């Protein structure tokens, strides 16, 4: 249960960081568009939105896979430690 809570907490932190990054990038793009005074900023903004969505999803997939691997490794270590402890107890009997 602790690993699930940690995984959920880290996922929320990552999502917050991604959202903040998107906000900063959106402001940068909008500032650039406004300064260039392009005739159709909607096209560029739509492309940016699509690119950021794809990037965000890919990052989330990678981070989730990484967190799941770490959680699985910790569970395996805990099982191995428990099995080792059990073997020591059984060998003493």
N, C-alpha and C. Protein backbone atom coordinates (compact mmCIF):
# COMPACT_ATOMS: atom_id res chain seq x y z
N UNK A 1 0.82 -1.20 0.00
CA UNK A 1 0.00 0.00 0.00
C UNK A 1 0.87 1.26 0.00
N UNK A 2 2.00 1.20 0.74
CA UNK A 2 2.90 2.36 0.77
C UNK A 2 3.42 2.66 -0.63
N UNK A 3 3.76 1.60 -1.38
CA UNK A 3 4.30 1.81 -2.72
C UNK A 3 3.27 2.47 -3.62
N UNK A 4 2.01 2.08 -3.47
CA UNK A 4 0.94 2.69 -4.27
C UNK A 4 0.82 4.17 -3.94
N UNK A 5 0.88 4.50 -2.66
CA UNK A 5 0.77 5.90 -2.24
C UNK A 5 1.95 6.70 -2.78
N UNK A 6 3.16 6.12 -2.68
CA UNK A 6 4.34 6.80 -3.22
C UNK A 6 4.19 7.01 -4.72
N UNK A 7 3.75 5.97 -5.42
CA UNK A 7 3.59 6.06 -6.87
C UNK A 7 2.58 7.14 -7.23
N UNK A 8 1.48 7.19 -6.50
CA UNK A 8 0.46 8.20 -6.76
C UNK A 8 1.00 9.60 -6.47
N UNK A 9 1.75 9.75 -5.38
CA UNK A 9 2.33 11.04 -5.00
C UNK A 9 3.32 11.51 -6.07
N UNK A 10 4.22 10.63 -6.49
CA UNK A 10 5.20 11.00 -7.50
C UNK A 10 4.52 11.34 -8.83
N UNK A 11 3.48 10.61 -9.17
CA UNK A 11 2.74 10.89 -10.40
C UNK A 11 2.12 12.28 -10.34
N UNK A 12 1.57 12.64 -9.19
CA UNK A 12 0.97 13.97 -9.04
C UNK A 12 2.03 15.06 -9.15
N UNK A 13 3.20 14.83 -8.58
CA UNK A 13 4.29 15.81 -8.69
C UNK A 13 4.69 15.98 -10.15
N UNK A 14 4.83 14.87 -10.85
CA UNK A 14 5.23 14.92 -12.25
C UNK A 14 4.18 15.65 -13.08
N UNK A 15 2.93 15.33 -12.85
CA UNK A 15 1.86 16.01 -13.59
C UNK A 15 1.87 17.51 -13.33
N UNK A 16 2.11 17.90 -12.09
CA UNK A 16 2.19 19.32 -11.75
C UNK A 16 3.34 19.98 -12.49
N UNK A 17 4.49 19.31 -12.53
CA UNK A 17 5.64 19.86 -13.24
C UNK A 17 5.36 20.00 -14.73
N UNK A 18 4.70 19.01 -15.30
CA UNK A 18 4.38 19.06 -16.72
C UNK A 18 3.42 20.21 -17.01
N UNK A 19 2.42 20.36 -16.16
CA UNK A 19 1.45 21.44 -16.36
C UNK A 19 2.13 22.80 -16.26
N UNK A 20 3.01 22.96 -15.27
CA UNK A 20 3.72 24.23 -15.13
C UNK A 20 4.60 24.50 -16.35
N UNK A 21 5.25 23.46 -16.85
CA UNK A 21 6.07 23.60 -18.05
C UNK A 21 5.22 24.01 -19.24
N UNK A 22 4.06 23.39 -19.37
CA UNK A 22 3.16 23.75 -20.46
C UNK A 22 2.71 25.20 -20.37
N UNK A 23 2.43 25.65 -19.17
CA UNK A 23 2.00 27.04 -18.99
C UNK A 23 3.10 28.00 -19.44
N UNK A 24 4.32 27.73 -19.01
CA UNK A 24 5.44 28.59 -19.38
C UNK A 24 5.65 28.57 -20.89
N UNK A 25 5.61 27.37 -21.48
CA UNK A 25 5.80 27.27 -22.93
C UNK A 25 4.66 27.95 -23.69
N UNK A 26 3.46 27.81 -23.19
CA UNK A 26 2.32 28.46 -23.84
C UNK A 26 2.49 29.98 -23.80
N UNK A 27 2.91 30.50 -22.66
CA UNK A 27 3.13 31.95 -22.56
C UNK A 27 4.22 32.39 -23.53
N UNK A 28 5.27 31.60 -23.64
CA UNK A 28 6.37 31.93 -24.54
C UNK A 28 5.89 31.94 -25.99
N UNK A 29 5.15 30.92 -26.36
CA UNK A 29 4.63 30.83 -27.73
C UNK A 29 3.69 31.99 -28.03
N UNK A 30 2.79 32.26 -27.09
CA UNK A 30 1.84 33.35 -27.32
C UNK A 30 2.55 34.70 -27.43
N UNK A 31 3.56 34.90 -26.61
CA UNK A 31 4.34 36.14 -26.69
C UNK A 31 5.02 36.24 -28.05
N UNK A 32 5.58 35.12 -28.50
CA UNK A 32 6.25 35.10 -29.80
C UNK A 32 5.26 35.39 -30.93
N UNK A 33 4.10 34.76 -30.85
CA UNK A 33 3.08 34.97 -31.88
C UNK A 33 2.64 36.43 -31.91
N UNK A 34 2.40 36.97 -30.74
CA UNK A 34 1.94 38.36 -30.66
C UNK A 34 3.01 39.32 -31.17
N UNK A 35 4.26 39.04 -30.86
CA UNK A 35 5.32 39.95 -31.29
C UNK A 35 5.53 39.88 -32.80
N UNK A 36 5.29 38.72 -33.39
CA UNK A 36 5.46 38.58 -34.84
C UNK A 36 4.22 39.09 -35.58
N UNK A 37 3.12 39.21 -34.87
CA UNK A 37 1.85 39.66 -35.45
C UNK A 37 1.52 38.89 -36.72
N UNK A 38 1.53 37.58 -36.57
CA UNK A 38 1.21 36.73 -37.72
C UNK A 38 -0.27 36.86 -38.05
N UNK A 39 -0.59 36.57 -39.30
CA UNK A 39 -1.97 36.72 -39.73
C UNK A 39 -2.87 35.62 -39.18
N UNK A 40 -2.33 34.42 -38.91
CA UNK A 40 -3.16 33.32 -38.42
C UNK A 40 -2.49 32.61 -37.25
N UNK A 41 -2.55 33.19 -36.06
CA UNK A 41 -1.90 32.56 -34.91
C UNK A 41 -2.60 31.27 -34.46
N UNK A 42 -3.86 31.09 -34.85
CA UNK A 42 -4.58 29.88 -34.45
C UNK A 42 -3.92 28.62 -35.00
N UNK A 43 -3.40 28.68 -36.21
CA UNK A 43 -2.75 27.51 -36.81
C UNK A 43 -1.53 27.13 -35.99
N UNK A 44 -0.71 28.10 -35.66
CA UNK A 44 0.50 27.82 -34.89
C UNK A 44 0.16 27.35 -33.48
N UNK A 45 -0.84 27.95 -32.89
CA UNK A 45 -1.26 27.57 -31.54
C UNK A 45 -1.82 26.15 -31.54
N UNK A 46 -2.59 25.80 -32.55
CA UNK A 46 -3.12 24.43 -32.65
C UNK A 46 -1.99 23.42 -32.80
N UNK A 47 -1.01 23.75 -33.62
CA UNK A 47 0.13 22.84 -33.80
C UNK A 47 0.90 22.68 -32.50
N UNK A 48 1.10 23.79 -31.81
CA UNK A 48 1.79 23.74 -30.52
C UNK A 48 1.02 22.86 -29.54
N UNK A 49 -0.29 23.02 -29.51
CA UNK A 49 -1.12 22.24 -28.60
C UNK A 49 -1.00 20.75 -28.90
N UNK A 50 -1.04 20.39 -30.17
CA UNK A 50 -0.89 18.98 -30.56
C UNK A 50 0.49 18.44 -30.16
N UNK A 51 1.52 19.23 -30.41
CA UNK A 51 2.88 18.81 -30.06
C UNK A 51 3.03 18.61 -28.55
N UNK A 52 2.49 19.55 -27.77
CA UNK A 52 2.60 19.44 -26.31
C UNK A 52 1.81 18.25 -25.78
N UNK A 53 0.66 17.98 -26.37
CA UNK A 53 -0.13 16.83 -25.94
C UNK A 53 0.64 15.54 -26.18
N UNK A 54 1.21 15.40 -27.37
CA UNK A 54 1.99 14.20 -27.69
C UNK A 54 3.19 14.08 -26.76
N UNK A 55 3.89 15.19 -26.53
CA UNK A 55 5.06 15.18 -25.65
C UNK A 55 4.66 14.80 -24.23
N UNK A 56 3.58 15.40 -23.74
CA UNK A 56 3.13 15.14 -22.37
C UNK A 56 2.75 13.68 -22.19
N UNK A 57 2.00 13.14 -23.13
CA UNK A 57 1.60 11.74 -23.03
C UNK A 57 2.81 10.81 -23.04
N UNK A 58 3.77 11.10 -23.91
CA UNK A 58 4.98 10.27 -23.97
C UNK A 58 5.75 10.35 -22.66
N UNK A 59 5.88 11.55 -22.10
CA UNK A 59 6.58 11.70 -20.83
C UNK A 59 5.87 10.95 -19.71
N UNK A 60 4.54 11.04 -19.67
CA UNK A 60 3.78 10.32 -18.65
C UNK A 60 3.95 8.82 -18.78
N UNK A 61 3.94 8.33 -20.00
CA UNK A 61 4.12 6.89 -20.22
C UNK A 61 5.50 6.46 -19.72
N UNK A 62 6.52 7.24 -20.05
CA UNK A 62 7.88 6.90 -19.62
C UNK A 62 8.01 6.97 -18.10
N UNK A 63 7.50 8.02 -17.48
CA UNK A 63 7.61 8.15 -16.02
C UNK A 63 6.83 7.05 -15.31
N UNK A 64 5.65 6.75 -15.81
CA UNK A 64 4.85 5.70 -15.18
C UNK A 64 5.57 4.36 -15.27
N UNK A 65 6.13 4.06 -16.43
CA UNK A 65 6.87 2.81 -16.59
C UNK A 65 8.06 2.77 -15.63
N UNK A 66 8.75 3.88 -15.50
CA UNK A 66 9.89 3.96 -14.59
C UNK A 66 9.46 3.75 -13.14
N UNK A 67 8.39 4.42 -12.74
CA UNK A 67 7.90 4.27 -11.37
C UNK A 67 7.40 2.86 -11.11
N UNK A 68 6.75 2.26 -12.09
CA UNK A 68 6.27 0.89 -11.92
C UNK A 68 7.45 -0.08 -11.80
N UNK A 69 8.51 0.14 -12.60
CA UNK A 69 9.71 -0.72 -12.49
C UNK A 69 10.32 -0.60 -11.10
N UNK A 70 10.43 0.62 -10.61
CA UNK A 70 11.01 0.83 -9.28
C UNK A 70 10.17 0.17 -8.20
N UNK A 71 8.86 0.32 -8.30
CA UNK A 71 7.97 -0.30 -7.31
C UNK A 71 8.08 -1.82 -7.36
N UNK A 72 8.17 -2.37 -8.56
CA UNK A 72 8.30 -3.82 -8.71
C UNK A 72 9.63 -4.31 -8.13
N UNK A 73 10.70 -3.56 -8.39
CA UNK A 73 12.01 -3.92 -7.83
C UNK A 73 11.96 -3.92 -6.31
N UNK A 74 11.32 -2.91 -5.73
CA UNK A 74 11.22 -2.84 -4.27
C UNK A 74 10.40 -3.98 -3.71
N UNK A 75 9.32 -4.34 -4.41
CA UNK A 75 8.51 -5.47 -3.97
C UNK A 75 9.31 -6.76 -4.03
N UNK A 76 10.10 -6.94 -5.10
CA UNK A 76 10.92 -8.14 -5.23
C UNK A 76 11.97 -8.20 -4.13
N UNK A 77 12.57 -7.07 -3.81
CA UNK A 77 13.55 -7.03 -2.72
C UNK A 77 12.90 -7.38 -1.39
N UNK A 78 11.70 -6.85 -1.17
CA UNK A 78 10.97 -7.15 0.07
C UNK A 78 10.63 -8.63 0.15
N UNK A 79 10.19 -9.22 -0.97
CA UNK A 79 9.88 -10.65 -0.99
C UNK A 79 11.13 -11.48 -0.73
N UNK A 80 12.24 -11.07 -1.35
CA UNK A 80 13.50 -11.80 -1.17
C UNK A 80 13.95 -11.71 0.29
N UNK A 81 13.82 -10.54 0.89
CA UNK A 81 14.21 -10.38 2.29
C UNK A 81 13.32 -11.22 3.19
N UNK A 82 12.03 -11.26 2.89
CA UNK A 82 11.09 -12.06 3.67
C UNK A 82 11.40 -13.55 3.52
N UNK A 83 11.69 -13.97 2.30
CA UNK A 83 12.03 -15.37 2.05
C UNK A 83 13.33 -15.73 2.76
N UNK A 84 14.29 -14.84 2.74
CA UNK A 84 15.56 -15.07 3.42
C UNK A 84 15.35 -15.20 4.92
N UNK A 85 14.52 -14.32 5.47
CA UNK A 85 14.21 -14.37 6.90
C UNK A 85 13.50 -15.67 7.23
N UNK A 86 12.58 -16.07 6.37
CA UNK A 86 11.83 -17.31 6.57
C UNK A 86 12.77 -18.51 6.53
N UNK A 87 13.72 -18.49 5.61
CA UNK A 87 14.69 -19.59 5.50
C UNK A 87 15.57 -19.67 6.74
N UNK A 88 15.96 -18.53 7.27
CA UNK A 88 16.78 -18.51 8.49
C UNK A 88 15.99 -19.09 9.65
N UNK A 89 14.72 -18.72 9.74
CA UNK A 89 13.86 -19.22 10.82
C UNK A 89 13.68 -20.72 10.69
N UNK A 90 13.45 -21.20 9.48
CA UNK A 90 13.24 -22.63 9.25
C UNK A 90 14.51 -23.43 9.51
N UNK A 91 15.66 -22.88 9.18
CA UNK A 91 16.91 -23.62 9.37
C UNK A 91 17.28 -23.71 10.85
N UNK A 92 16.80 -22.79 11.66
CA UNK A 92 17.07 -22.83 13.10
C UNK A 92 16.21 -23.87 13.80
N UNK A 93 15.07 -24.20 13.20
CA UNK A 93 14.13 -25.13 13.83
C UNK A 93 14.63 -26.54 13.84
